């Protein structure tokens, strides 16, 4: 039986490359939650569901029967407002968790940003599980709402297996949006 993996943000730069990489292994069945368009995914053997992380009904359809949800959906930090960050990043995280619990998803992998962590002033101390998240209002809105979303995932404890991947710069071929 194939492992079922649902991916939010699958039509973005990281998401579309992840989908293509996962499809190399025939043991995965991929479902993509598509918010605006699926241009980066056309012609691929995947299931798509139109929706948004802000729409609980589409998330309930998306998470149904999934083993793992990889959450990549976000908003572009250079053009969004603080309300956009709260709605998509934070409320979207809440919605992903609720729908995943409701549909008994086994694991959520939240792909976030290194900016979720409070700035390391000395540039020497490594960032690890003990590092502070940038959840207070003195931080930039994107950083703050990403950190608050990470906190939601990390606080699930026994309810659902969640991990956060906090990426730095991701660059490569086909990256056509300045972020």
C-alpha atoms as a PDB file:
ATOM      1  CA  UNK A   1       0.000   0.000   0.000  1.00  0.00           C
ATOM      2  CA  UNK A   2       1.304   3.438  -0.928  1.00  0.00           C
ATOM      3  CA  UNK A   3       1.974   6.020   1.760  1.00  0.00           C
ATOM      4  CA  UNK A   4      -0.371   8.983   1.263  1.00  0.00           C
ATOM      5  CA  UNK A   5       1.269  12.394   1.565  1.00  0.00           C
ATOM      6  CA  UNK A   6      -0.643  15.659   1.417  1.00  0.00           C
ATOM      7  CA  UNK A   7       1.319  18.811   0.623  1.00  0.00           C
ATOM      8  CA  UNK A   8       0.149  22.383   1.143  1.00  0.00           C
ATOM      9  CA  UNK A   9       2.027  24.972  -0.887  1.00  0.00           C
ATOM     10  CA  UNK A  10       2.775  22.251  -3.447  1.00  0.00           C
ATOM     11  CA  UNK A  11       2.642  24.698  -6.341  1.00  0.00           C
ATOM     12  CA  UNK A  12       5.368  26.919  -4.851  1.00  0.00           C
ATOM     13  CA  UNK A  13       9.099  26.652  -5.450  1.00  0.00           C
ATOM     14  CA  UNK A  14       9.952  24.272  -2.600  1.00  0.00           C
ATOM     15  CA  UNK A  15       6.644  22.403  -2.846  1.00  0.00           C
ATOM     16  CA  UNK A  16       6.785  21.692  -6.575  1.00  0.00           C
ATOM     17  CA  UNK A  17      10.364  20.438  -6.296  1.00  0.00           C
ATOM     18  CA  UNK A  18       9.389  18.276  -3.319  1.00  0.00           C
ATOM     19  CA  UNK A  19       6.453  16.776  -5.244  1.00  0.00           C
ATOM     20  CA  UNK A  20       8.669  15.957  -8.228  1.00  0.00           C
ATOM     21  CA  UNK A  21      11.257  14.346  -5.940  1.00  0.00           C
ATOM     22  CA  UNK A  22       8.657  12.272  -4.088  1.00  0.00           C
ATOM     23  CA  UNK A  23       7.160  11.033  -7.353  1.00  0.00           C
ATOM     24  CA  UNK A  24      10.470   9.367  -8.203  1.00  0.00           C
ATOM     25  CA  UNK A  25       9.589   6.847  -5.490  1.00  0.00           C
ATOM     26  CA  UNK A  26       6.526   4.906  -6.602  1.00  0.00           C
ATOM     27  CA  UNK A  27       5.601   4.148  -2.990  1.00  0.00           C
ATOM     28  CA  UNK A  28       3.994   7.570  -2.439  1.00  0.00           C
ATOM     29  CA  UNK A  29       0.588   8.868  -3.425  1.00  0.00           C
ATOM     30  CA  UNK A  30       0.642  12.672  -3.442  1.00  0.00           C
ATOM     31  CA  UNK A  31      -2.285  15.037  -2.870  1.00  0.00           C
ATOM     32  CA  UNK A  32      -1.652  18.742  -3.370  1.00  0.00           C
ATOM     33  CA  UNK A  33      -3.746  21.521  -1.856  1.00  0.00           C
ATOM     34  CA  UNK A  34      -3.862  24.152  -4.613  1.00  0.00           C
ATOM     35  CA  UNK A  35      -4.701  27.726  -3.652  1.00  0.00           C
ATOM     36  CA  UNK A  36      -4.316  29.734  -6.868  1.00  0.00           C
ATOM     37  CA  UNK A  37      -2.894  27.673  -9.717  1.00  0.00           C
ATOM     38  CA  UNK A  38      -1.143  24.407 -10.395  1.00  0.00           C
ATOM     39  CA  UNK A  39       1.190  25.669 -13.123  1.00  0.00           C
ATOM     40  CA  UNK A  40       4.266  24.084 -11.511  1.00  0.00           C
ATOM     41  CA  UNK A  41       2.483  20.729 -11.194  1.00  0.00           C
ATOM     42  CA  UNK A  42       0.849  20.293 -14.597  1.00  0.00           C
ATOM     43  CA  UNK A  43       1.284  16.867 -16.121  1.00  0.00           C
ATOM     44  CA  UNK A  44       2.276  15.210 -12.841  1.00  0.00           C
ATOM     45  CA  UNK A  45       0.512  12.091 -11.573  1.00  0.00           C
ATOM     46  CA  UNK A  46      -0.937  13.618  -8.402  1.00  0.00           C
ATOM     47  CA  UNK A  47      -4.342  14.367  -6.938  1.00  0.00           C
ATOM     48  CA  UNK A  48      -5.147  18.058  -6.507  1.00  0.00           C
ATOM     49  CA  UNK A  49      -7.694  19.689  -4.252  1.00  0.00           C
ATOM     50  CA  UNK A  50      -8.594  23.339  -4.722  1.00  0.00           C
ATOM     51  CA  UNK A  51      -8.593  25.231  -1.477  1.00  0.00           C
ATOM     52  CA  UNK A  52      -6.684  27.161   1.124  1.00  0.00           C
ATOM     53  CA  UNK A  53      -5.263  26.672   4.598  1.00  0.00           C
ATOM     54  CA  UNK A  54      -7.731  29.357   5.665  1.00  0.00           C
ATOM     55  CA  UNK A  55     -10.716  27.265   4.500  1.00  0.00           C
ATOM     56  CA  UNK A  56     -11.554  24.470   6.949  1.00  0.00           C
ATOM     57  CA  UNK A  57     -13.858  22.649   4.516  1.00  0.00           C
ATOM     58  CA  UNK A  58     -11.171  22.311   1.845  1.00  0.00           C
ATOM     59  CA  UNK A  59      -8.661  21.236   4.520  1.00  0.00           C
ATOM     60  CA  UNK A  60     -11.010  18.520   5.749  1.00  0.00           C
ATOM     61  CA  UNK A  61     -11.171  17.134   2.190  1.00  0.00           C
ATOM     62  CA  UNK A  62      -7.407  17.531   1.774  1.00  0.00           C
ATOM     63  CA  UNK A  63      -6.383  15.774   5.004  1.00  0.00           C
ATOM     64  CA  UNK A  64      -8.867  12.893   4.595  1.00  0.00           C
ATOM     65  CA  UNK A  65      -7.006   9.574   4.308  1.00  0.00           C
ATOM     66  CA  UNK A  66      -3.541  11.179   4.434  1.00  0.00           C
ATOM     67  CA  UNK A  67      -0.739   9.492   6.402  1.00  0.00           C
ATOM     68  CA  UNK A  68       1.479  12.589   6.465  1.00  0.00           C
ATOM     69  CA  UNK A  69       0.815  16.264   5.821  1.00  0.00           C
ATOM     70  CA  UNK A  70       3.752  18.402   4.745  1.00  0.00           C
ATOM     71  CA  UNK A  71       2.789  22.011   5.360  1.00  0.00           C
ATOM     72  CA  UNK A  72       4.589  24.480   3.090  1.00  0.00           C
ATOM     73  CA  UNK A  73       1.851  27.046   2.393  1.00  0.00           C
ATOM     74  CA  UNK A  74       2.667  30.598   3.417  1.00  0.00           C
ATOM     75  CA  UNK A  75       2.528  34.134   2.099  1.00  0.00           C
ATOM     76  CA  UNK A  76       5.358  36.010   0.462  1.00  0.00           C
ATOM     77  CA  UNK A  77       7.057  38.033   3.189  1.00  0.00           C
ATOM     78  CA  UNK A  78       7.879  40.931   0.852  1.00  0.00           C
ATOM     79  CA  UNK A  79       4.278  41.756  -0.135  1.00  0.00           C
ATOM     80  CA  UNK A  80       1.973  40.606   2.685  1.00  0.00           C
ATOM     81  CA  UNK A  81       0.507  42.619   5.552  1.00  0.00           C
ATOM     82  CA  UNK A  82       0.545  41.641   9.215  1.00  0.00           C
ATOM     83  CA  UNK A  83      -3.103  40.552   8.902  1.00  0.00           C
ATOM     84  CA  UNK A  84      -2.117  38.286   5.986  1.00  0.00           C
ATOM     85  CA  UNK A  85       0.635  36.708   8.090  1.00  0.00           C
ATOM     86  CA  UNK A  86      -1.738  36.083  10.978  1.00  0.00           C
ATOM     87  CA  UNK A  87      -4.512  34.704   8.754  1.00  0.00           C
ATOM     88  CA  UNK A  88      -2.437  32.444   6.505  1.00  0.00           C
ATOM     89  CA  UNK A  89       0.522  31.453   8.674  1.00  0.00           C
ATOM     90  CA  UNK A  90      -0.970  31.295  12.176  1.00  0.00           C
ATOM     91  CA  UNK A  91      -4.649  30.595  11.567  1.00  0.00           C
ATOM     92  CA  UNK A  92      -3.683  28.300   8.697  1.00  0.00           C
ATOM     93  CA  UNK A  93      -1.488  26.309  11.106  1.00  0.00           C
ATOM     94  CA  UNK A  94      -4.395  25.992  13.545  1.00  0.00           C
ATOM     95  CA  UNK A  95      -6.631  24.781  10.719  1.00  0.00           C
ATOM     96  CA  UNK A  96      -4.050  22.245   9.482  1.00  0.00           C
ATOM     97  CA  UNK A  97      -3.704  20.827  12.999  1.00  0.00           C
ATOM     98  CA  UNK A  98      -7.482  20.640  13.572  1.00  0.00           C
ATOM     99  CA  UNK A  99      -8.196  18.955  10.224  1.00  0.00           C
ATOM    100  CA  UNK A 100      -5.266  16.565  10.657  1.00  0.00           C
ATOM    101  CA  UNK A 101      -6.485  15.537  14.114  1.00  0.00           C
ATOM    102  CA  UNK A 102     -10.046  15.163  12.847  1.00  0.00           C
ATOM    103  CA  UNK A 103      -8.894  12.910   9.988  1.00  0.00           C
ATOM    104  CA  UNK A 104      -6.306  10.983  12.042  1.00  0.00           C
ATOM    105  CA  UNK A 105      -3.242  12.064  10.079  1.00  0.00           C
ATOM    106  CA  UNK A 106      -0.214  10.344  11.633  1.00  0.00           C
ATOM    107  CA  UNK A 107       2.369  13.113  11.221  1.00  0.00           C
ATOM    108  CA  UNK A 108       2.629  16.776  10.258  1.00  0.00           C
ATOM    109  CA  UNK A 109       5.875  18.176   8.916  1.00  0.00           C
ATOM    110  CA  UNK A 110       5.723  21.957   9.161  1.00  0.00           C
ATOM    111  CA  UNK A 111       8.244  23.652   6.899  1.00  0.00           C
ATOM    112  CA  UNK A 112       8.980  27.055   8.363  1.00  0.00           C
ATOM    113  CA  UNK A 113      11.715  29.662   8.470  1.00  0.00           C
ATOM    114  CA  UNK A 114      14.883  30.124  10.492  1.00  0.00           C
ATOM    115  CA  UNK A 115      13.465  33.596  11.163  1.00  0.00           C
ATOM    116  CA  UNK A 116      11.093  31.978  13.694  1.00  0.00           C
ATOM    117  CA  UNK A 117      13.933  32.152  16.183  1.00  0.00           C
ATOM    118  CA  UNK A 118      14.912  35.284  18.082  1.00  0.00           C
ATOM    119  CA  UNK A 119      17.925  36.923  16.485  1.00  0.00           C
ATOM    120  CA  UNK A 120      21.166  35.507  17.744  1.00  0.00           C
ATOM    121  CA  UNK A 121      23.097  38.674  18.577  1.00  0.00           C
ATOM    122  CA  UNK A 122      26.506  37.054  18.977  1.00  0.00           C
ATOM    123  CA  UNK A 123      26.264  34.910  15.801  1.00  0.00           C
ATOM    124  CA  UNK A 124      28.154  32.198  17.688  1.00  0.00           C
ATOM    125  CA  UNK A 125      25.552  30.440  19.828  1.00  0.00           C
ATOM    126  CA  UNK A 126      23.905  27.702  17.757  1.00  0.00           C
ATOM    127  CA  UNK A 127      20.153  27.609  17.294  1.00  0.00           C
ATOM    128  CA  UNK A 128      18.601  24.416  18.700  1.00  0.00           C
ATOM    129  CA  UNK A 129      15.481  23.134  20.470  1.00  0.00           C
ATOM    130  CA  UNK A 130      16.273  25.330  23.480  1.00  0.00           C
ATOM    131  CA  UNK A 131      16.436  28.573  21.457  1.00  0.00           C
ATOM    132  CA  UNK A 132      13.711  31.171  21.956  1.00  0.00           C
ATOM    133  CA  UNK A 133      11.011  31.607  19.348  1.00  0.00           C
ATOM    134  CA  UNK A 134      10.389  35.139  18.056  1.00  0.00           C
ATOM    135  CA  UNK A 135       6.795  35.286  19.343  1.00  0.00           C
ATOM    136  CA  UNK A 136       6.695  38.791  20.794  1.00  0.00           C
ATOM    137  CA  UNK A 137       5.654  42.023  19.093  1.00  0.00           C
ATOM    138  CA  UNK A 138       9.195  43.448  18.865  1.00  0.00           C
ATOM    139  CA  UNK A 139       9.910  41.019  16.015  1.00  0.00           C
ATOM    140  CA  UNK A 140       9.016  41.539  12.370  1.00  0.00           C
ATOM    141  CA  UNK A 141       5.428  40.364  11.634  1.00  0.00           C
ATOM    142  CA  UNK A 142       6.496  37.496   9.331  1.00  0.00           C
ATOM    143  CA  UNK A 143       8.957  36.243  11.962  1.00  0.00           C
ATOM    144  CA  UNK A 144       6.474  36.594  14.812  1.00  0.00           C
ATOM    145  CA  UNK A 145       3.550  34.794  13.117  1.00  0.00           C
ATOM    146  CA  UNK A 146       5.856  32.050  11.793  1.00  0.00           C
ATOM    147  CA  UNK A 147       7.189  31.538  15.330  1.00  0.00           C
ATOM    148  CA  UNK A 148       3.681  31.443  16.797  1.00  0.00           C
ATOM    149  CA  UNK A 149       2.663  28.847  14.188  1.00  0.00           C
ATOM    150  CA  UNK A 150       5.776  26.767  14.977  1.00  0.00           C
ATOM    151  CA  UNK A 151       4.810  26.953  18.646  1.00  0.00           C
ATOM    152  CA  UNK A 152       1.353  25.537  17.806  1.00  0.00           C
ATOM    153  CA  UNK A 153       2.888  22.547  16.028  1.00  0.00           C
ATOM    154  CA  UNK A 154       5.515  21.934  18.700  1.00  0.00           C
ATOM    155  CA  UNK A 155       2.917  22.057  21.499  1.00  0.00           C
ATOM    156  CA  UNK A 156       0.849  19.173  20.110  1.00  0.00           C
ATOM    157  CA  UNK A 157       2.709  16.689  22.334  1.00  0.00           C
ATOM    158  CA  UNK A 158       0.684  13.481  22.484  1.00  0.00           C
ATOM    159  CA  UNK A 159      -2.103  14.557  20.108  1.00  0.00           C
ATOM    160  CA  UNK A 160      -0.215  14.203  16.821  1.00  0.00           C
ATOM    161  CA  UNK A 161       3.401  13.750  15.782  1.00  0.00           C
ATOM    162  CA  UNK A 162       4.643  17.155  14.564  1.00  0.00           C
ATOM    163  CA  UNK A 163       8.054  18.383  13.552  1.00  0.00           C
ATOM    164  CA  UNK A 164       9.191  21.770  12.315  1.00  0.00           C
ATOM    165  CA  UNK A 165      11.861  22.240   9.685  1.00  0.00           C
ATOM    166  CA  UNK A 166      13.177  25.787   9.966  1.00  0.00           C
ATOM    167  CA  UNK A 167      14.901  26.528   6.682  1.00  0.00           C
ATOM    168  CA  UNK A 168      17.354  29.294   5.853  1.00  0.00           C
ATOM    169  CA  UNK A 169      17.861  30.414   2.273  1.00  0.00           C
ATOM    170  CA  UNK A 170      16.560  28.033  -0.376  1.00  0.00           C
ATOM    171  CA  UNK A 171      17.827  28.765  -3.875  1.00  0.00           C
ATOM    172  CA  UNK A 172      18.137  26.905  -7.127  1.00  0.00           C
ATOM    173  CA  UNK A 173      16.845  26.460 -10.650  1.00  0.00           C
ATOM    174  CA  UNK A 174      13.234  27.503 -11.312  1.00  0.00           C
ATOM    175  CA  UNK A 175      13.173  29.935  -8.364  1.00  0.00           C
ATOM    176  CA  UNK A 176      11.504  32.897 -10.018  1.00  0.00           C
ATOM    177  CA  UNK A 177      10.143  34.873  -7.056  1.00  0.00           C
ATOM    178  CA  UNK A 178      12.228  37.207  -4.942  1.00  0.00           C
ATOM    179  CA  UNK A 179      11.615  36.363  -1.290  1.00  0.00           C
END
